[in-house]
Amino acid sequence: MKNIAYIGMGSNMEDRFNYLKQGILLLRKEKNITLTNLSSIYETAPVGYTEQSAFLNMVVEVETTYNPQELLSCLQNIEAACHRERIIRWGPRTLDLDILLYNNEDIKEENLSVPHPRILERAFVLAPLVEIAPSTCILGDNHFLSSLTSKLSVEQGIERWKLRDEKDIFSLLETN
């Protein structure tokens, strides 16, 4: 069975853009995952632990035969391949991959919560998600995500860093 998942991607260490590209390339190599859409890339101030560099963030849509736990494991393996270290909560990272939505499921497990628990508080997730899935609603919330994005974008200071090409979504992988 094909499942639709939205994955948030972020990087704020070293060559941020190359880490995003590497994450996308590794996702594309997974036989149980098909990338179906990519957002633009946004530059955002850090949230939580603020003594760090700005992030590049984006959201990708995938079709997968993985169940949520298998997808999580795959994403953690990709992070590890990109030298992700978990030292400070919300701290600097080479690559961060989060399952934001998985089908329209409500998942509450020890190591996985979907929809992502802070999805409605973070413009760096909402803006790229709305860009590729504008009519998305979160379980238990009667508001379309697009109605929340503009207010948060101004409050949290995000800026589009690299615009996606509607005709060739993978053109984002080209050199900046």
C-alpha atoms as a PDB file:
ATOM      1  CA  MET A   1       0.000   0.000   0.000  1.00  0.00           C
ATOM      2  CA  LYS A   2       1.253   3.474  -0.858  1.00  0.00           C
ATOM      3  CA  ASN A   3       1.283   5.954   1.977  1.00  0.00           C
ATOM      4  CA  ILE A   4       1.695   9.712   1.650  1.00  0.00           C
ATOM      5  CA  ALA A   5       4.065  11.378   4.082  1.00  0.00           C
ATOM      6  CA  TYR A   6       5.401  14.900   4.438  1.00  0.00           C
ATOM      7  CA  ILE A   7       8.931  15.206   5.764  1.00  0.00           C
ATOM      8  CA  GLY A   8      10.442  18.388   7.170  1.00  0.00           C
ATOM      9  CA  MET A   9      14.111  18.888   6.359  1.00  0.00           C
ATOM     10  CA  GLY A  10      16.513  21.327   8.009  1.00  0.00           C
ATOM     11  CA  SER A  11      20.230  22.084   8.211  1.00  0.00           C
ATOM     12  CA  ASN A  12      22.301  24.810   9.845  1.00  0.00           C
ATOM     13  CA  MET A  13      25.847  23.456   9.897  1.00  0.00           C
ATOM     14  CA  GLU A  14      28.628  23.873   7.379  1.00  0.00           C
ATOM     15  CA  ASP A  15      27.229  23.725   3.832  1.00  0.00           C
ATOM     16  CA  ARG A  16      23.525  23.734   4.669  1.00  0.00           C
ATOM     17  CA  PHE A  17      22.356  23.501   1.061  1.00  0.00           C
ATOM     18  CA  ASN A  18      24.569  20.484   0.345  1.00  0.00           C
ATOM     19  CA  TYR A  19      23.201  18.664   3.384  1.00  0.00           C
ATOM     20  CA  LEU A  20      19.644  19.230   2.128  1.00  0.00           C
ATOM     21  CA  LYS A  21      20.684  17.984  -1.322  1.00  0.00           C
ATOM     22  CA  GLN A  22      22.373  14.946   0.206  1.00  0.00           C
ATOM     23  CA  GLY A  23      19.222  14.145   2.195  1.00  0.00           C
ATOM     24  CA  ILE A  24      17.076  14.373  -0.936  1.00  0.00           C
ATOM     25  CA  LEU A  25      19.484  12.220  -2.932  1.00  0.00           C
ATOM     26  CA  LEU A  26      19.513   9.571  -0.197  1.00  0.00           C
ATOM     27  CA  LEU A  27      15.701   9.614  -0.022  1.00  0.00           C
ATOM     28  CA  ARG A  28      15.566   9.139  -3.807  1.00  0.00           C
ATOM     29  CA  LYS A  29      17.807   6.063  -3.513  1.00  0.00           C
ATOM     30  CA  GLU A  30      15.372   4.333  -1.158  1.00  0.00           C
ATOM     31  CA  LYS A  31      13.461   1.679  -3.114  1.00  0.00           C
ATOM     32  CA  ASN A  32      10.415   2.034  -0.830  1.00  0.00           C
ATOM     33  CA  ILE A  33      10.207   5.816  -1.181  1.00  0.00           C
ATOM     34  CA  THR A  34       9.256   7.979  -4.157  1.00  0.00           C
ATOM     35  CA  LEU A  35       9.687  11.738  -3.885  1.00  0.00           C
ATOM     36  CA  THR A  36       6.593  13.349  -5.358  1.00  0.00           C
ATOM     37  CA  ASN A  37       7.013  17.018  -4.434  1.00  0.00           C
ATOM     38  CA  LEU A  38       9.540  19.464  -2.989  1.00  0.00           C
ATOM     39  CA  SER A  39       8.949  22.906  -1.507  1.00  0.00           C
ATOM     40  CA  SER A  40      11.112  25.947  -1.968  1.00  0.00           C
ATOM     41  CA  ILE A  41      13.953  26.307   0.518  1.00  0.00           C
ATOM     42  CA  TYR A  42      13.466  28.810   3.347  1.00  0.00           C
ATOM     43  CA  GLU A  43      16.034  30.458   5.590  1.00  0.00           C
ATOM     44  CA  THR A  44      14.896  30.719   9.182  1.00  0.00           C
ATOM     45  CA  ALA A  45      16.134  31.842  12.543  1.00  0.00           C
ATOM     46  CA  PRO A  46      16.712  29.048  15.067  1.00  0.00           C
ATOM     47  CA  VAL A  47      13.898  28.152  17.465  1.00  0.00           C
ATOM     48  CA  GLY A  48      14.411  26.891  21.004  1.00  0.00           C
ATOM     49  CA  TYR A  49      18.183  27.018  21.329  1.00  0.00           C
ATOM     50  CA  THR A  50      18.958  30.345  19.625  1.00  0.00           C
ATOM     51  CA  GLU A  51      22.767  30.490  19.993  1.00  0.00           C
ATOM     52  CA  GLN A  52      23.363  28.930  16.572  1.00  0.00           C
ATOM     53  CA  SER A  53      23.358  29.718  12.850  1.00  0.00           C
ATOM     54  CA  ALA A  54      20.249  30.208  10.718  1.00  0.00           C
ATOM     55  CA  PHE A  55      18.635  27.139   9.186  1.00  0.00           C
ATOM     56  CA  LEU A  56      17.689  26.198   5.671  1.00  0.00           C
ATOM     57  CA  ASN A  57      14.354  24.366   5.781  1.00  0.00           C
ATOM     58  CA  MET A  58      12.079  22.676   3.301  1.00  0.00           C
ATOM     59  CA  VAL A  59       9.368  20.018   3.109  1.00  0.00           C
ATOM     60  CA  VAL A  60       9.219  17.028   0.788  1.00  0.00           C
ATOM     61  CA  GLU A  61       6.224  14.888  -0.052  1.00  0.00           C
ATOM     62  CA  VAL A  62       6.834  11.184  -0.510  1.00  0.00           C
ATOM     63  CA  GLU A  63       4.929   8.056  -1.385  1.00  0.00           C
ATOM     64  CA  THR A  64       6.172   5.099   0.594  1.00  0.00           C
ATOM     65  CA  THR A  65       5.387   1.495   1.346  1.00  0.00           C
ATOM     66  CA  TYR A  66       7.088   1.921   4.723  1.00  0.00           C
ATOM     67  CA  ASN A  67       4.949   1.982   7.831  1.00  0.00           C
ATOM     68  CA  PRO A  68       5.596   4.984  10.133  1.00  0.00           C
ATOM     69  CA  GLN A  69       8.247   3.234  12.254  1.00  0.00           C
ATOM     70  CA  GLU A  70      10.099   1.961   9.178  1.00  0.00           C
ATOM     71  CA  LEU A  71      10.028   5.444   7.677  1.00  0.00           C
ATOM     72  CA  LEU A  72      11.361   6.927  10.924  1.00  0.00           C
ATOM     73  CA  SER A  73      14.193   4.389  10.963  1.00  0.00           C
ATOM     74  CA  CYS A  74      15.030   5.193   7.340  1.00  0.00           C
ATOM     75  CA  LEU A  75      15.127   8.941   8.095  1.00  0.00           C
ATOM     76  CA  GLN A  76      17.370   8.384  11.119  1.00  0.00           C
ATOM     77  CA  ASN A  77      19.734   6.330   8.959  1.00  0.00           C
ATOM     78  CA  ILE A  78      19.899   9.162   6.422  1.00  0.00           C
ATOM     79  CA  GLU A  79      20.625  11.657   9.211  1.00  0.00           C
ATOM     80  CA  ALA A  80      23.425   9.393  10.461  1.00  0.00           C
ATOM     81  CA  ALA A  81      24.855   9.106   6.935  1.00  0.00           C
ATOM     82  CA  CYS A  82      25.005  12.920   6.953  1.00  0.00           C
ATOM     83  CA  HIS A  83      26.895  12.905  10.287  1.00  0.00           C
ATOM     84  CA  ARG A  84      23.971  14.074  12.440  1.00  0.00           C
ATOM     85  CA  GLU A  85      24.892  14.240  16.129  1.00  0.00           C
ATOM     86  CA  ARG A  86      22.315  14.796  18.872  1.00  0.00           C
ATOM     87  CA  ILE A  87      24.197  16.839  21.463  1.00  0.00           C
ATOM     88  CA  ILE A  88      21.928  19.802  22.331  1.00  0.00           C
ATOM     89  CA  ARG A  89      18.136  19.633  22.079  1.00  0.00           C
ATOM     90  CA  TRP A  90      17.103  21.852  19.153  1.00  0.00           C
ATOM     91  CA  GLY A  91      20.822  22.494  18.640  1.00  0.00           C
ATOM     92  CA  PRO A  92      22.904  22.702  15.481  1.00  0.00           C
ATOM     93  CA  ARG A  93      22.566  19.851  13.027  1.00  0.00           C
ATOM     94  CA  THR A  94      23.932  18.792   9.695  1.00  0.00           C
ATOM     95  CA  LEU A  95      20.561  17.348   8.690  1.00  0.00           C
ATOM     96  CA  ASP A  96      17.271  17.007  10.527  1.00  0.00           C
ATOM     97  CA  LEU A  97      14.452  14.919   9.038  1.00  0.00           C
ATOM     98  CA  ASP A  98      11.036  14.868  10.726  1.00  0.00           C
ATOM     99  CA  ILE A  99       7.844  13.076   9.749  1.00  0.00           C
ATOM    100  CA  LEU A 100       5.300  15.892   9.793  1.00  0.00           C
ATOM    101  CA  LEU A 101       2.273  14.010   8.466  1.00  0.00           C
ATOM    102  CA  TYR A 102       1.675  10.389   7.526  1.00  0.00           C
ATOM    103  CA  ASN A 103      -1.519   9.853   5.552  1.00  0.00           C
ATOM    104  CA  ASN A 104      -4.132  11.380   7.820  1.00  0.00           C
ATOM    105  CA  GLU A 105      -3.087   9.279  10.787  1.00  0.00           C
ATOM    106  CA  ASP A 106      -2.793  10.247  14.420  1.00  0.00           C
ATOM    107  CA  ILE A 107       0.229   8.376  15.772  1.00  0.00           C
ATOM    108  CA  LYS A 108       1.297   8.564  19.415  1.00  0.00           C
ATOM    109  CA  GLU A 109       4.169   6.243  20.207  1.00  0.00           C
ATOM    110  CA  GLU A 110       7.149   6.583  22.528  1.00  0.00           C
ATOM    111  CA  ASN A 111       9.510   7.648  19.750  1.00  0.00           C
ATOM    112  CA  LEU A 112       7.076   9.074  17.180  1.00  0.00           C
ATOM    113  CA  SER A 113       4.219  11.585  17.232  1.00  0.00           C
ATOM    114  CA  VAL A 114       2.394  12.379  13.996  1.00  0.00           C
ATOM    115  CA  PRO A 115       1.215  14.977  13.182  1.00  0.00           C
ATOM    116  CA  HIS A 116       4.476  16.466  14.424  1.00  0.00           C
ATOM    117  CA  PRO A 117       3.678  17.897  17.889  1.00  0.00           C
ATOM    118  CA  ARG A 118       4.890  21.443  17.134  1.00  0.00           C
ATOM    119  CA  ILE A 119       3.764  21.681  13.519  1.00  0.00           C
ATOM    120  CA  LEU A 120       1.246  24.474  14.185  1.00  0.00           C
ATOM    121  CA  GLU A 121       3.801  26.621  16.049  1.00  0.00           C
ATOM    122  CA  ARG A 122       6.560  26.712  13.459  1.00  0.00           C
ATOM    123  CA  ALA A 123       6.496  28.814  10.333  1.00  0.00           C
ATOM    124  CA  PHE A 124       9.618  27.063   9.048  1.00  0.00           C
ATOM    125  CA  VAL A 125       7.473  23.928   8.755  1.00  0.00           C
ATOM    126  CA  LEU A 126       4.134  25.497   7.835  1.00  0.00           C
ATOM    127  CA  ALA A 127       5.312  27.764   4.998  1.00  0.00           C
ATOM    128  CA  PRO A 128       6.966  25.021   2.924  1.00  0.00           C
ATOM    129  CA  LEU A 129       4.212  22.517   3.773  1.00  0.00           C
ATOM    130  CA  VAL A 130       1.477  24.913   2.655  1.00  0.00           C
ATOM    131  CA  GLU A 131       3.430  25.608  -0.525  1.00  0.00           C
ATOM    132  CA  ILE A 132       3.163  21.968  -1.652  1.00  0.00           C
ATOM    133  CA  ALA A 133      -0.055  20.941   0.154  1.00  0.00           C
ATOM    134  CA  PRO A 134      -2.176  24.102   0.548  1.00  0.00           C
ATOM    135  CA  SER A 135      -5.437  22.391   1.466  1.00  0.00           C
ATOM    136  CA  THR A 136      -3.945  20.239   4.217  1.00  0.00           C
ATOM    137  CA  CYS A 137      -5.741  20.100   7.546  1.00  0.00           C
ATOM    138  CA  ILE A 138      -4.273  18.691  10.728  1.00  0.00           C
ATOM    139  CA  LEU A 139      -6.265  16.084  12.615  1.00  0.00           C
ATOM    140  CA  GLY A 140      -8.454  17.669  15.250  1.00  0.00           C
ATOM    141  CA  ASP A 141      -7.908  21.166  13.844  1.00  0.00           C
ATOM    142  CA  ASN A 142     -10.602  22.791  11.729  1.00  0.00           C
ATOM    143  CA  HIS A 143      -8.226  25.352  10.233  1.00  0.00           C
ATOM    144  CA  PHE A 144      -6.417  24.943   6.964  1.00  0.00           C
ATOM    145  CA  LEU A 145      -2.696  25.329   7.515  1.00  0.00           C
ATOM    146  CA  SER A 146      -2.572  28.212   5.039  1.00  0.00           C
ATOM    147  CA  SER A 147      -4.591  30.390   7.435  1.00  0.00           C
ATOM    148  CA  LEU A 148      -1.876  30.072  10.097  1.00  0.00           C
ATOM    149  CA  THR A 149       1.191  30.549   7.921  1.00  0.00           C
ATOM    150  CA  SER A 150       1.246  34.274   7.159  1.00  0.00           C
ATOM    151  CA  LYS A 151       0.996  35.344  10.812  1.00  0.00           C
ATOM    152  CA  LEU A 152       3.718  32.944  11.935  1.00  0.00           C
ATOM    153  CA  SER A 153       5.986  33.806   8.981  1.00  0.00           C
ATOM    154  CA  VAL A 154       6.052  37.459  10.018  1.00  0.00           C
ATOM    155  CA  GLU A 155       6.488  36.660  13.731  1.00  0.00           C
ATOM    156  CA  GLN A 156       9.266  34.125  13.182  1.00  0.00           C
ATOM    157  CA  GLY A 157      11.129  35.854  10.361  1.00  0.00           C
ATOM    158  CA  ILE A 158      11.400  33.273   7.630  1.00  0.00           C
ATOM    159  CA  GLU A 159      12.451  34.139   4.089  1.00  0.00           C
ATOM    160  CA  ARG A 160      12.345  32.150   0.886  1.00  0.00           C
ATOM    161  CA  TRP A 161      15.992  31.310   0.129  1.00  0.00           C
ATOM    162  CA  LYS A 162      15.634  29.339  -3.105  1.00  0.00           C
ATOM    163  CA  LEU A 163      12.420  29.228  -5.118  1.00  0.00           C
ATOM    164  CA  ARG A 164      11.272  25.924  -6.505  1.00  0.00           C
ATOM    165  CA  ASP A 165      10.532  25.575 -10.190  1.00  0.00           C
ATOM    166  CA  GLU A 166       6.941  24.445 -10.702  1.00  0.00           C
ATOM    167  CA  LYS A 167       7.895  22.590 -13.909  1.00  0.00           C
ATOM    168  CA  ASP A 168      11.019  20.884 -12.577  1.00  0.00           C
ATOM    169  CA  ILE A 169      10.886  20.361  -8.826  1.00  0.00           C
ATOM    170  CA  PHE A 170      14.275  18.685  -8.814  1.00  0.00           C
ATOM    171  CA  SER A 171      15.957  21.807 -10.211  1.00  0.00           C
ATOM    172  CA  LEU A 172      16.442  22.754  -6.535  1.00  0.00           C
ATOM    173  CA  LEU A 173      19.218  20.190  -6.458  1.00  0.00           C
ATOM    174  CA  GLU A 174      21.274  22.264  -8.871  1.00  0.00           C
ATOM    175  CA  THR A 175      24.140  24.297  -7.478  1.00  0.00           C
ATOM    176  CA  ASN A 176      23.142  27.491  -5.698  1.00  0.00           C
END
